[in-house]
Amino acid sequence: MSTKSDQRQTFSPLMSPDRDYEEINTYVVCWGLFFAVLFALAVGYLALKIGQTVDAFAPVSVLAMGMAVLFHRKNAFPETVHIQAIASAGTNVLGGAMFILPALYILGIEDLSFIEMSIPIVLGGVLGVFLATVFRRYFCEEMDGVYPFPSGSAAAEVLQSNEGSKAHIMLLSGLVAMAYDFVLNTLGWWQELLTTTAVSWGQTLADKYKLVFSIDNDAALLGIGYFTGLRYGLIIAAGSFFSFLVCIPVAYYIGGDHAMVVGGKDILLAQAPVGAVFSQYVRHIGIGMLAMAGIIGLLTMSGVVGRVMRRAFCPALCPSALCSC
């Protein structure tokens, strides 16, 4: 059986440590802020619409490298790395805000000022920078080639290629998505949410067996699925199938005589619509699974945290002759 140590590759940096590079300049800052604003709008829209965000580093890497070719930049690689880093950092902070602010309203805390709402967002961004600094060497050097990050690997390949031939694909796909959404949402040629309850047999299936199948065909969701990759997309889809085809029927079978509030009225769960049962009960199962996955991840990395902290702070605190870290 192969182990992680067997899969490790010799780390070879693309930028020579013996050479000085101009990494931060006006070009980098201006384009980084431009893409940060542009993709912040897109990420904010997705977070409010479907509760899920996408990191900007993959598409920004393609667009930034395409601009480097267009403008004939001789120092393209380090400049593009920092452009996508600025854009990605901006969208990450916004993504945190999209989930922090609704939590305040869910808890009933509605009398906060702008400063009070901004403090946890700023502190979260600072904490993210600190953690990224501490774990940068571990993930980027020691675990290079071990963990599968599809979108990150794609962005790295684009940056290493030093060419922007795929930038026109990004622009073309954006135009196609814009036309698709115009036909879908503006002209209304078909519904964004395709569900089996739209036909008679599907409504009968929902009324009798509480089974509903639906799919959202928005262009943004198709793009998220592309960046997520087939493997993780199938895992997410499997969770959805499990929720609607297993958890919801079980909830009706076990708690049919349980009273719940729907539209301000008290009704039995057996008489409640499928959407209400999902939002009030089954959805919390998925949230709990996400929280538990985070806890398991933290426990798994507890040993990694100690090792990384020792490597980061031991040389400054321990005499080299006595150090055993």
C-alpha atoms as a PDB file:
ATOM      1  CA  MET A   1       0.000   0.000   0.000  1.00  0.00           C
ATOM      2  CA  SER A   2       1.404   3.364  -0.974  1.00  0.00           C
ATOM      3  CA  THR A   3       1.710   6.133   1.594  1.00  0.00           C
ATOM      4  CA  LYS A   4       1.792   9.910   1.308  1.00  0.00           C
ATOM      5  CA  SER A   5       5.543   9.877   1.627  1.00  0.00           C
ATOM      6  CA  ASP A   6       5.734   7.606  -1.414  1.00  0.00           C
ATOM      7  CA  GLN A   7       3.731  10.128  -3.445  1.00  0.00           C
ATOM      8  CA  ARG A   8       5.805  13.160  -2.547  1.00  0.00           C
ATOM      9  CA  GLN A   9       7.729  14.823  -5.295  1.00  0.00           C
ATOM     10  CA  THR A  10      10.973  16.724  -5.131  1.00  0.00           C
ATOM     11  CA  PHE A  11      10.027  20.381  -4.754  1.00  0.00           C
ATOM     12  CA  SER A  12      11.557  22.494  -7.495  1.00  0.00           C
ATOM     13  CA  PRO A  13      10.517  26.177  -7.432  1.00  0.00           C
ATOM     14  CA  LEU A  14       9.881  27.839 -10.782  1.00  0.00           C
ATOM     15  CA  MET A  15      11.346  31.117  -9.556  1.00  0.00           C
ATOM     16  CA  SER A  16      15.036  30.824  -8.765  1.00  0.00           C
ATOM     17  CA  PRO A  17      15.917  31.891  -5.190  1.00  0.00           C
ATOM     18  CA  ASP A  18      19.189  33.318  -6.565  1.00  0.00           C
ATOM     19  CA  ARG A  19      17.438  35.869  -8.785  1.00  0.00           C
ATOM     20  CA  ASP A  20      15.550  39.053  -7.928  1.00  0.00           C
ATOM     21  CA  TYR A  21      12.081  39.448  -9.463  1.00  0.00           C
ATOM     22  CA  GLU A  22       9.852  42.502  -9.656  1.00  0.00           C
ATOM     23  CA  GLU A  23       6.713  41.048  -8.121  1.00  0.00           C
ATOM     24  CA  ILE A  24       4.726  44.131  -7.010  1.00  0.00           C
ATOM     25  CA  ASN A  25       4.210  47.137  -9.266  1.00  0.00           C
ATOM     26  CA  THR A  26       1.411  49.381 -10.503  1.00  0.00           C
ATOM     27  CA  TYR A  27       0.381  46.870 -13.161  1.00  0.00           C
ATOM     28  CA  VAL A  28      -0.058  44.098 -10.571  1.00  0.00           C
ATOM     29  CA  VAL A  29      -1.942  46.205  -8.017  1.00  0.00           C
ATOM     30  CA  CYS A  30      -4.347  47.797 -10.516  1.00  0.00           C
ATOM     31  CA  TRP A  31      -5.285  44.577 -12.301  1.00  0.00           C
ATOM     32  CA  GLY A  32      -5.429  42.662  -9.015  1.00  0.00           C
ATOM     33  CA  LEU A  33      -7.900  45.153  -7.543  1.00  0.00           C
ATOM     34  CA  PHE A  34      -9.916  45.185 -10.778  1.00  0.00           C
ATOM     35  CA  PHE A  35     -10.350  41.411 -10.763  1.00  0.00           C
ATOM     36  CA  ALA A  36     -11.003  41.472  -7.001  1.00  0.00           C
ATOM     37  CA  VAL A  37     -13.969  43.813  -7.531  1.00  0.00           C
ATOM     38  CA  LEU A  38     -15.222  41.950 -10.607  1.00  0.00           C
ATOM     39  CA  PHE A  39     -15.154  38.505  -9.035  1.00  0.00           C
ATOM     40  CA  ALA A  40     -16.370  39.807  -5.674  1.00  0.00           C
ATOM     41  CA  LEU A  41     -19.610  40.742  -7.409  1.00  0.00           C
ATOM     42  CA  ALA A  42     -19.846  37.274  -8.950  1.00  0.00           C
ATOM     43  CA  VAL A  43     -19.014  35.472  -5.688  1.00  0.00           C
ATOM     44  CA  GLY A  44     -21.457  37.628  -3.720  1.00  0.00           C
ATOM     45  CA  TYR A  45     -24.211  36.823  -6.211  1.00  0.00           C
ATOM     46  CA  LEU A  46     -23.535  33.082  -5.984  1.00  0.00           C
ATOM     47  CA  ALA A  47     -23.356  33.140  -2.185  1.00  0.00           C
ATOM     48  CA  LEU A  48     -26.710  34.925  -1.882  1.00  0.00           C
ATOM     49  CA  LYS A  49     -28.336  32.789  -4.568  1.00  0.00           C
ATOM     50  CA  ILE A  50     -27.212  29.254  -3.745  1.00  0.00           C
ATOM     51  CA  GLY A  51     -25.118  29.535  -0.575  1.00  0.00           C
ATOM     52  CA  GLN A  52     -21.925  28.438  -2.295  1.00  0.00           C
ATOM     53  CA  THR A  53     -18.865  30.327  -3.497  1.00  0.00           C
ATOM     54  CA  VAL A  54     -16.075  29.773  -6.007  1.00  0.00           C
ATOM     55  CA  ASP A  55     -12.483  30.896  -5.571  1.00  0.00           C
ATOM     56  CA  ALA A  56     -11.327  33.382  -8.171  1.00  0.00           C
ATOM     57  CA  PHE A  57      -7.749  32.146  -8.566  1.00  0.00           C
ATOM     58  CA  ALA A  58      -8.453  29.684 -11.392  1.00  0.00           C
ATOM     59  CA  PRO A  59     -10.302  32.021 -13.813  1.00  0.00           C
ATOM     60  CA  VAL A  60      -8.148  35.022 -12.841  1.00  0.00           C
ATOM     61  CA  SER A  61      -5.001  33.012 -13.563  1.00  0.00           C
ATOM     62  CA  VAL A  62      -6.218  32.368 -17.102  1.00  0.00           C
ATOM     63  CA  LEU A  63      -7.310  35.963 -17.725  1.00  0.00           C
ATOM     64  CA  ALA A  64      -4.183  37.484 -16.165  1.00  0.00           C
ATOM     65  CA  MET A  65      -1.878  35.270 -18.204  1.00  0.00           C
ATOM     66  CA  GLY A  66      -3.834  36.159 -21.322  1.00  0.00           C
ATOM     67  CA  MET A  67      -3.312  39.858 -20.562  1.00  0.00           C
ATOM     68  CA  ALA A  68       0.392  39.221 -20.016  1.00  0.00           C
ATOM     69  CA  VAL A  69       0.635  37.811 -23.531  1.00  0.00           C
ATOM     70  CA  LEU A  70      -1.506  40.625 -24.935  1.00  0.00           C
ATOM     71  CA  PHE A  71       0.629  43.339 -23.308  1.00  0.00           C
ATOM     72  CA  HIS A  72       3.907  41.467 -23.942  1.00  0.00           C
ATOM     73  CA  ARG A  73       4.911  41.392 -20.289  1.00  0.00           C
ATOM     74  CA  LYS A  74       8.449  40.043 -19.852  1.00  0.00           C
ATOM     75  CA  ASN A  75       7.978  39.337 -16.149  1.00  0.00           C
ATOM     76  CA  ALA A  76       4.680  37.513 -16.594  1.00  0.00           C
ATOM     77  CA  PHE A  77       4.919  34.655 -14.078  1.00  0.00           C
ATOM     78  CA  PRO A  78       5.547  36.525 -10.771  1.00  0.00           C
ATOM     79  CA  GLU A  79       3.189  39.331 -11.797  1.00  0.00           C
ATOM     80  CA  THR A  80       0.367  36.928 -12.643  1.00  0.00           C
ATOM     81  CA  VAL A  81       0.853  35.026  -9.384  1.00  0.00           C
ATOM     82  CA  HIS A  82       0.288  38.200  -7.375  1.00  0.00           C
ATOM     83  CA  ILE A  83      -2.636  39.372  -9.530  1.00  0.00           C
ATOM     84  CA  GLN A  84      -4.527  36.152  -8.876  1.00  0.00           C
ATOM     85  CA  ALA A  85      -3.491  36.260  -5.195  1.00  0.00           C
ATOM     86  CA  ILE A  86      -4.983  39.747  -4.747  1.00  0.00           C
ATOM     87  CA  ALA A  87      -8.205  38.778  -6.545  1.00  0.00           C
ATOM     88  CA  SER A  88      -8.486  35.503  -4.617  1.00  0.00           C
ATOM     89  CA  ALA A  89      -7.938  37.214  -1.244  1.00  0.00           C
ATOM     90  CA  GLY A  90     -10.688  39.727  -2.006  1.00  0.00           C
ATOM     91  CA  THR A  91     -13.234  37.065  -2.886  1.00  0.00           C
ATOM     92  CA  ASN A  92     -12.307  34.963   0.160  1.00  0.00           C
ATOM     93  CA  VAL A  93     -13.020  37.843   2.543  1.00  0.00           C
ATOM     94  CA  LEU A  94     -16.314  38.532   0.781  1.00  0.00           C
ATOM     95  CA  GLY A  95     -17.230  34.854   0.943  1.00  0.00           C
ATOM     96  CA  GLY A  96     -16.727  34.965   4.705  1.00  0.00           C
ATOM     97  CA  ALA A  97     -18.916  38.057   4.947  1.00  0.00           C
ATOM     98  CA  MET A  98     -21.690  36.345   2.991  1.00  0.00           C
ATOM     99  CA  PHE A  99     -21.877  33.645   5.652  1.00  0.00           C
ATOM    100  CA  ILE A 100     -21.170  35.757   8.755  1.00  0.00           C
ATOM    101  CA  LEU A 101     -23.781  38.473   8.187  1.00  0.00           C
ATOM    102  CA  PRO A 102     -26.769  36.131   7.629  1.00  0.00           C
ATOM    103  CA  ALA A 103     -25.758  34.283  10.813  1.00  0.00           C
ATOM    104  CA  LEU A 104     -26.178  37.526  12.764  1.00  0.00           C
ATOM    105  CA  TYR A 105     -29.746  37.890  11.495  1.00  0.00           C
ATOM    106  CA  ILE A 106     -30.513  34.228  12.175  1.00  0.00           C
ATOM    107  CA  LEU A 107     -29.426  34.793  15.775  1.00  0.00           C
ATOM    108  CA  GLY A 108     -31.706  37.827  15.942  1.00  0.00           C
ATOM    109  CA  ILE A 109     -28.874  40.357  16.264  1.00  0.00           C
ATOM    110  CA  GLU A 110     -30.178  43.180  14.071  1.00  0.00           C
ATOM    111  CA  ASP A 111     -29.034  46.334  15.881  1.00  0.00           C
ATOM    112  CA  LEU A 112     -25.351  46.166  14.884  1.00  0.00           C
ATOM    113  CA  SER A 113     -23.582  49.140  13.365  1.00  0.00           C
ATOM    114  CA  PHE A 114     -21.487  48.992  10.218  1.00  0.00           C
ATOM    115  CA  ILE A 115     -18.286  48.997  12.289  1.00  0.00           C
ATOM    116  CA  GLU A 116     -19.506  46.133  14.466  1.00  0.00           C
ATOM    117  CA  MET A 117     -20.373  44.066  11.409  1.00  0.00           C
ATOM    118  CA  SER A 118     -17.027  44.844   9.771  1.00  0.00           C
ATOM    119  CA  ILE A 119     -14.876  43.829  12.759  1.00  0.00           C
ATOM    120  CA  PRO A 120     -15.417  40.024  12.501  1.00  0.00           C
ATOM    121  CA  ILE A 121     -14.922  40.170   8.722  1.00  0.00           C
ATOM    122  CA  VAL A 122     -11.613  42.038   9.037  1.00  0.00           C
ATOM    123  CA  LEU A 123     -10.429  39.786  11.873  1.00  0.00           C
ATOM    124  CA  GLY A 124     -11.355  36.731   9.803  1.00  0.00           C
ATOM    125  CA  GLY A 125      -9.274  38.033   6.901  1.00  0.00           C
ATOM    126  CA  VAL A 126      -6.296  38.682   9.182  1.00  0.00           C
ATOM    127  CA  LEU A 127      -6.626  35.215  10.700  1.00  0.00           C
ATOM    128  CA  GLY A 128      -6.732  33.716   7.207  1.00  0.00           C
ATOM    129  CA  VAL A 129      -3.506  35.499   6.252  1.00  0.00           C
ATOM    130  CA  PHE A 130      -1.845  34.277   9.455  1.00  0.00           C
ATOM    131  CA  LEU A 131      -2.872  30.649   8.882  1.00  0.00           C
ATOM    132  CA  ALA A 132      -1.844  30.804   5.217  1.00  0.00           C
ATOM    133  CA  THR A 133       1.574  32.106   6.261  1.00  0.00           C
ATOM    134  CA  VAL A 134       2.082  29.387   8.866  1.00  0.00           C
ATOM    135  CA  PHE A 135       0.960  26.489   6.655  1.00  0.00           C
ATOM    136  CA  ARG A 136       2.333  27.802   3.351  1.00  0.00           C
ATOM    137  CA  ARG A 137       5.546  25.775   3.449  1.00  0.00           C
ATOM    138  CA  TYR A 138       3.803  22.583   4.527  1.00  0.00           C
ATOM    139  CA  PHE A 139       1.149  22.570   1.813  1.00  0.00           C
ATOM    140  CA  CYS A 140       3.154  24.146  -1.016  1.00  0.00           C
ATOM    141  CA  GLU A 141       6.460  22.340  -0.474  1.00  0.00           C
ATOM    142  CA  GLU A 142       6.171  19.234   1.681  1.00  0.00           C
ATOM    143  CA  MET A 143       2.777  18.159   0.314  1.00  0.00           C
ATOM    144  CA  ASP A 144       3.479  19.217  -3.272  1.00  0.00           C
ATOM    145  CA  GLY A 145       1.770  16.720  -5.582  1.00  0.00           C
ATOM    146  CA  VAL A 146       0.061  14.794  -2.757  1.00  0.00           C
ATOM    147  CA  TYR A 147      -3.343  16.440  -2.288  1.00  0.00           C
ATOM    148  CA  PRO A 148      -5.740  16.635  -5.270  1.00  0.00           C
ATOM    149  CA  PHE A 149      -6.908  20.216  -5.766  1.00  0.00           C
ATOM    150  CA  PRO A 150      -8.390  20.211  -9.317  1.00  0.00           C
ATOM    151  CA  SER A 151      -8.925  23.950  -9.768  1.00  0.00           C
ATOM    152  CA  GLY A 152      -5.655  24.807  -8.007  1.00  0.00           C
ATOM    153  CA  SER A 153      -3.750  22.357 -10.200  1.00  0.00           C
ATOM    154  CA  ALA A 154      -5.381  23.842 -13.286  1.00  0.00           C
ATOM    155  CA  ALA A 155      -4.391  27.372 -12.230  1.00  0.00           C
ATOM    156  CA  ALA A 156      -0.821  26.234 -11.550  1.00  0.00           C
ATOM    157  CA  GLU A 157      -0.579  24.676 -15.005  1.00  0.00           C
ATOM    158  CA  VAL A 158      -1.780  27.905 -16.596  1.00  0.00           C
ATOM    159  CA  LEU A 159       0.735  29.984 -14.636  1.00  0.00           C
ATOM    160  CA  GLN A 160       3.591  27.642 -15.475  1.00  0.00           C
ATOM    161  CA  SER A 161       2.756  27.583 -19.187  1.00  0.00           C
ATOM    162  CA  ASN A 162       3.511  31.326 -19.518  1.00  0.00           C
ATOM    163  CA  GLU A 163       0.964  31.658 -22.270  1.00  0.00           C
ATOM    164  CA  GLY A 164      -2.622  32.863 -22.438  1.00  0.00           C
ATOM    165  CA  SER A 165      -4.076  30.772 -25.224  1.00  0.00           C
ATOM    166  CA  LYS A 166      -6.971  29.721 -22.957  1.00  0.00           C
ATOM    167  CA  ALA A 167      -8.019  33.285 -22.173  1.00  0.00           C
ATOM    168  CA  HIS A 168     -10.216  33.449 -25.286  1.00  0.00           C
ATOM    169  CA  ILE A 169     -12.009  30.310 -24.073  1.00  0.00           C
ATOM    170  CA  MET A 170     -12.856  32.141 -20.823  1.00  0.00           C
ATOM    171  CA  LEU A 171     -14.213  35.125 -22.749  1.00  0.00           C
ATOM    172  CA  LEU A 172     -16.189  32.922 -25.153  1.00  0.00           C
ATOM    173  CA  SER A 173     -17.670  30.859 -22.310  1.00  0.00           C
ATOM    174  CA  GLY A 174     -18.650  34.086 -20.538  1.00  0.00           C
ATOM    175  CA  LEU A 175     -20.510  35.316 -23.615  1.00  0.00           C
ATOM    176  CA  VAL A 176     -22.258  31.959 -24.017  1.00  0.00           C
ATOM    177  CA  ALA A 177     -23.286  32.003 -20.332  1.00  0.00           C
ATOM    178  CA  MET A 178     -24.580  35.566 -20.654  1.00  0.00           C
ATOM    179  CA  ALA A 179     -26.690  34.606 -23.684  1.00  0.00           C
ATOM    180  CA  TYR A 180     -27.944  31.474 -21.908  1.00  0.00           C
ATOM    181  CA  ASP A 181     -29.011  33.414 -18.798  1.00  0.00           C
ATOM    182  CA  PHE A 182     -30.659  36.077 -20.961  1.00  0.00           C
ATOM    183  CA  VAL A 183     -32.790  33.434 -22.664  1.00  0.00           C
ATOM    184  CA  LEU A 184     -33.499  31.692 -19.352  1.00  0.00           C
ATOM    185  CA  ASN A 185     -34.167  34.572 -16.944  1.00  0.00           C
ATOM    186  CA  THR A 186     -35.193  37.448 -19.232  1.00  0.00           C
ATOM    187  CA  LEU A 187     -37.092  35.751 -22.066  1.00  0.00           C
ATOM    188  CA  GLY A 188     -38.262  32.910 -19.820  1.00  0.00           C
ATOM    189  CA  TRP A 189     -38.229  30.212 -22.499  1.00  0.00           C
ATOM    190  CA  TRP A 190     -37.997  27.583 -19.758  1.00  0.00           C
ATOM    191  CA  GLN A 191     -37.898  27.464 -15.972  1.00  0.00           C
ATOM    192  CA  GLU A 192     -34.596  27.759 -14.112  1.00  0.00           C
ATOM    193  CA  LEU A 193     -35.671  25.006 -11.682  1.00  0.00           C
ATOM    194  CA  LEU A 194     -36.732  21.864 -13.532  1.00  0.00           C
ATOM    195  CA  THR A 195     -38.764  19.597 -11.237  1.00  0.00           C
ATOM    196  CA  THR A 196     -40.818  16.439 -11.578  1.00  0.00           C
ATOM    197  CA  THR A 197     -43.814  18.151  -9.933  1.00  0.00           C
ATOM    198  CA  ALA A 198     -44.310  20.072 -13.189  1.00  0.00           C
ATOM    199  CA  VAL A 199     -45.884  16.952 -14.732  1.00  0.00           C
ATOM    200  CA  SER A 200     -48.861  14.942 -13.492  1.00  0.00           C
ATOM    201  CA  TRP A 201     -46.998  11.723 -12.709  1.00  0.00           C
ATOM    202  CA  GLY A 202     -44.362  13.683 -10.803  1.00  0.00           C
ATOM    203  CA  GLN A 203     -47.001  15.454  -8.701  1.00  0.00           C
ATOM    204  CA  THR A 204     -48.642  12.111  -7.972  1.00  0.00           C
ATOM    205  CA  LEU A 205     -45.249  10.712  -6.918  1.00  0.00           C
ATOM    206  CA  ALA A 206     -44.711  13.677  -4.598  1.00  0.00           C
ATOM    207  CA  ASP A 207     -48.176  13.462  -3.028  1.00  0.00           C
ATOM    208  CA  LYS A 208     -48.180   9.705  -2.534  1.00  0.00           C
ATOM    209  CA  TYR A 209     -44.541   8.798  -1.854  1.00  0.00           C
ATOM    210  CA  LYS A 210     -43.000  12.235  -1.053  1.00  0.00           C
ATOM    211  CA  LEU A 211     -40.408  11.782  -3.806  1.00  0.00           C
ATOM    212  CA  VAL A 212     -39.336  14.868  -5.757  1.00  0.00           C
ATOM    213  CA  PHE A 213     -36.501  15.279  -8.233  1.00  0.00           C
ATOM    214  CA  SER A 214     -35.406  18.757  -9.314  1.00  0.00           C
ATOM    215  CA  ILE A 215     -32.387  20.343 -10.948  1.00  0.00           C
ATOM    216  CA  ASP A 216     -31.305  23.976 -11.268  1.00  0.00           C
ATOM    217  CA  ASN A 217     -29.922  24.644 -14.757  1.00  0.00           C
ATOM    218  CA  ASP A 218     -28.512  28.128 -14.135  1.00  0.00           C
ATOM    219  CA  ALA A 219     -25.274  28.854 -16.018  1.00  0.00           C
ATOM    220  CA  ALA A 220     -23.481  29.823 -12.790  1.00  0.00           C
ATOM    221  CA  LEU A 221     -24.164  26.381 -11.316  1.00  0.00           C
ATOM    222  CA  LEU A 222     -22.834  24.711 -14.448  1.00  0.00           C
ATOM    223  CA  GLY A 223     -19.653  26.763 -14.079  1.00  0.00           C
ATOM    224  CA  ILE A 224     -19.310  25.764 -10.420  1.00  0.00           C
ATOM    225  CA  GLY A 225     -19.653  22.120 -11.413  1.00  0.00           C
ATOM    226  CA  TYR A 226     -16.895  22.517 -13.986  1.00  0.00           C
ATOM    227  CA  PHE A 227     -14.432  23.999 -11.484  1.00  0.00           C
ATOM    228  CA  THR A 228     -15.445  21.532  -8.766  1.00  0.00           C
ATOM    229  CA  GLY A 229     -14.599  18.587 -10.973  1.00  0.00           C
ATOM    230  CA  LEU A 230     -16.371  15.323 -11.718  1.00  0.00           C
ATOM    231  CA  ARG A 231     -15.390  13.485  -8.531  1.00  0.00           C
ATOM    232  CA  TYR A 232     -16.479  16.141  -6.030  1.00  0.00           C
ATOM    233  CA  GLY A 233     -19.471  17.061  -8.183  1.00  0.00           C
ATOM    234  CA  LEU A 234     -20.661  13.448  -7.962  1.00  0.00           C
ATOM    235  CA  ILE A 235     -20.169  13.488  -4.175  1.00  0.00           C
ATOM    236  CA  ILE A 236     -22.325  16.623  -3.886  1.00  0.00           C
ATOM    237  CA  ALA A 237     -24.957  15.136  -6.211  1.00  0.00           C
ATOM    238  CA  ALA A 238     -24.981  11.914  -4.177  1.00  0.00           C
ATOM    239  CA  GLY A 239     -25.692  13.949  -1.052  1.00  0.00           C
ATOM    240  CA  SER A 240     -28.622  15.633  -2.796  1.00  0.00           C
ATOM    241  CA  PHE A 241     -30.053  12.306  -3.947  1.00  0.00           C
ATOM    242  CA  PHE A 242     -29.675  10.919  -0.418  1.00  0.00           C
ATOM    243  CA  SER A 243     -31.472  13.937   1.049  1.00  0.00           C
ATOM    244  CA  PHE A 244     -34.467  13.922  -1.292  1.00  0.00           C
ATOM    245  CA  LEU A 245     -34.864  10.218  -1.996  1.00  0.00           C
ATOM    246  CA  VAL A 246     -34.024   8.838   1.470  1.00  0.00           C
ATOM    247  CA  CYS A 247     -34.053  11.446   4.260  1.00  0.00           C
ATOM    248  CA  ILE A 248     -37.266  13.234   3.275  1.00  0.00           C
ATOM    249  CA  PRO A 249     -39.399  10.051   2.900  1.00  0.00           C
ATOM    250  CA  VAL A 250     -37.984   8.785   6.225  1.00  0.00           C
ATOM    251  CA  ALA A 251     -38.935  12.109   7.889  1.00  0.00           C
ATOM    252  CA  TYR A 252     -42.516  11.748   6.646  1.00  0.00           C
ATOM    253  CA  TYR A 253     -42.646   8.119   7.793  1.00  0.00           C
ATOM    254  CA  ILE A 254     -41.218   8.691  11.277  1.00  0.00           C
ATOM    255  CA  GLY A 255     -42.570  12.150  12.144  1.00  0.00           C
ATOM    256  CA  GLY A 256     -45.810  12.365  10.207  1.00  0.00           C
ATOM    257  CA  ASP A 257     -47.794  13.337  13.304  1.00  0.00           C
ATOM    258  CA  HIS A 258     -45.287  16.022  14.339  1.00  0.00           C
ATOM    259  CA  ALA A 259     -46.627  19.606  14.254  1.00  0.00           C
ATOM    260  CA  MET A 260     -44.637  22.187  12.293  1.00  0.00           C
ATOM    261  CA  VAL A 261     -45.139  25.792  11.189  1.00  0.00           C
ATOM    262  CA  VAL A 262     -45.519  26.465   7.469  1.00  0.00           C
ATOM    263  CA  GLY A 263     -46.532  29.901   6.259  1.00  0.00           C
ATOM    264  CA  GLY A 264     -47.433  30.977   9.793  1.00  0.00           C
ATOM    265  CA  LYS A 265     -49.836  28.062  10.284  1.00  0.00           C
ATOM    266  CA  ASP A 266     -49.462  24.937  12.450  1.00  0.00           C
ATOM    267  CA  ILE A 267     -49.905  21.791  10.370  1.00  0.00           C
ATOM    268  CA  LEU A 268     -48.887  18.155  10.635  1.00  0.00           C
ATOM    269  CA  LEU A 269     -45.618  17.200   9.001  1.00  0.00           C
ATOM    270  CA  ALA A 270     -47.480  14.591   6.951  1.00  0.00           C
ATOM    271  CA  GLN A 271     -49.434  17.419   5.273  1.00  0.00           C
ATOM    272  CA  ALA A 272     -46.465  19.747   4.769  1.00  0.00           C
ATOM    273  CA  PRO A 273     -44.935  20.269   1.314  1.00  0.00           C
ATOM    274  CA  VAL A 274     -41.639  18.560   0.526  1.00  0.00           C
ATOM    275  CA  GLY A 275     -39.767  21.878   0.293  1.00  0.00           C
ATOM    276  CA  ALA A 276     -40.768  22.875   3.816  1.00  0.00           C
ATOM    277  CA  VAL A 277     -39.664  19.537   5.280  1.00  0.00           C
ATOM    278  CA  PHE A 278     -36.330  19.855   3.517  1.00  0.00           C
ATOM    279  CA  SER A 279     -35.655  23.433   4.652  1.00  0.00           C
ATOM    280  CA  GLN A 280     -36.731  22.904   8.280  1.00  0.00           C
ATOM    281  CA  TYR A 281     -35.325  19.442   8.963  1.00  0.00           C
ATOM    282  CA  VAL A 282     -33.278  17.678   6.290  1.00  0.00           C
ATOM    283  CA  ARG A 283     -31.101  20.668   5.426  1.00  0.00           C
ATOM    284  CA  HIS A 284     -29.794  20.758   9.014  1.00  0.00           C
ATOM    285  CA  ILE A 285     -28.451  17.224   8.548  1.00  0.00           C
ATOM    286  CA  GLY A 286     -26.227  18.471   5.725  1.00  0.00           C
ATOM    287  CA  ILE A 287     -25.096  21.458   7.803  1.00  0.00           C
ATOM    288  CA  GLY A 288     -24.204  19.117  10.663  1.00  0.00           C
ATOM    289  CA  MET A 289     -22.219  16.910   8.298  1.00  0.00           C
ATOM    290  CA  LEU A 290     -20.249  19.930   7.084  1.00  0.00           C
ATOM    291  CA  ALA A 291     -19.499  20.989  10.649  1.00  0.00           C
ATOM    292  CA  MET A 292     -18.445  17.447  11.604  1.00  0.00           C
ATOM    293  CA  ALA A 293     -16.191  17.218   8.550  1.00  0.00           C
ATOM    294  CA  GLY A 294     -14.456  20.407   9.683  1.00  0.00           C
ATOM    295  CA  ILE A 295     -13.990  19.016  13.197  1.00  0.00           C
ATOM    296  CA  ILE A 296     -12.568  15.749  11.841  1.00  0.00           C
ATOM    297  CA  GLY A 297     -10.233  17.735   9.600  1.00  0.00           C
ATOM    298  CA  LEU A 298      -8.974  19.781  12.543  1.00  0.00           C
ATOM    299  CA  LEU A 299      -8.407  16.669  14.627  1.00  0.00           C
ATOM    300  CA  THR A 300      -6.589  15.001  11.751  1.00  0.00           C
ATOM    301  CA  MET A 301      -4.334  18.005  11.296  1.00  0.00           C
ATOM    302  CA  SER A 302      -3.612  18.413  15.004  1.00  0.00           C
ATOM    303  CA  GLY A 303      -0.272  16.682  14.597  1.00  0.00           C
ATOM    304  CA  VAL A 304       0.496  18.767  11.526  1.00  0.00           C
ATOM    305  CA  VAL A 305      -0.251  21.974  13.459  1.00  0.00           C
ATOM    306  CA  GLY A 306       2.269  21.105  16.169  1.00  0.00           C
ATOM    307  CA  ARG A 307       4.970  20.198  13.662  1.00  0.00           C
ATOM    308  CA  VAL A 308       4.452  23.344  11.587  1.00  0.00           C
ATOM    309  CA  MET A 309       4.441  25.598  14.657  1.00  0.00           C
ATOM    310  CA  ARG A 310       7.640  24.037  15.931  1.00  0.00           C
ATOM    311  CA  ARG A 311       9.357  24.586  12.594  1.00  0.00           C
ATOM    312  CA  ALA A 312       8.109  28.163  12.428  1.00  0.00           C
ATOM    313  CA  PHE A 313       9.039  29.302  15.942  1.00  0.00           C
ATOM    314  CA  CYS A 314      11.614  26.824  17.266  1.00  0.00           C
ATOM    315  CA  PRO A 315      14.697  28.414  15.619  1.00  0.00           C
ATOM    316  CA  ALA A 316      13.915  31.740  17.312  1.00  0.00           C
ATOM    317  CA  LEU A 317      13.168  30.295  20.759  1.00  0.00           C
ATOM    318  CA  CYS A 318      15.508  27.337  21.208  1.00  0.00           C
ATOM    319  CA  PRO A 319      19.325  27.357  21.280  1.00  0.00           C
ATOM    320  CA  SER A 320      20.465  25.337  18.275  1.00  0.00           C
ATOM    321  CA  ALA A 321      22.727  23.137  20.425  1.00  0.00           C
ATOM    322  CA  LEU A 322      19.874  22.096  22.711  1.00  0.00           C
ATOM    323  CA  CYS A 323      17.022  22.012  20.188  1.00  0.00           C
ATOM    324  CA  SER A 324      15.449  18.617  19.522  1.00  0.00           C
ATOM    325  CA  CYS A 325      12.517  19.756  17.355  1.00  0.00           C
END
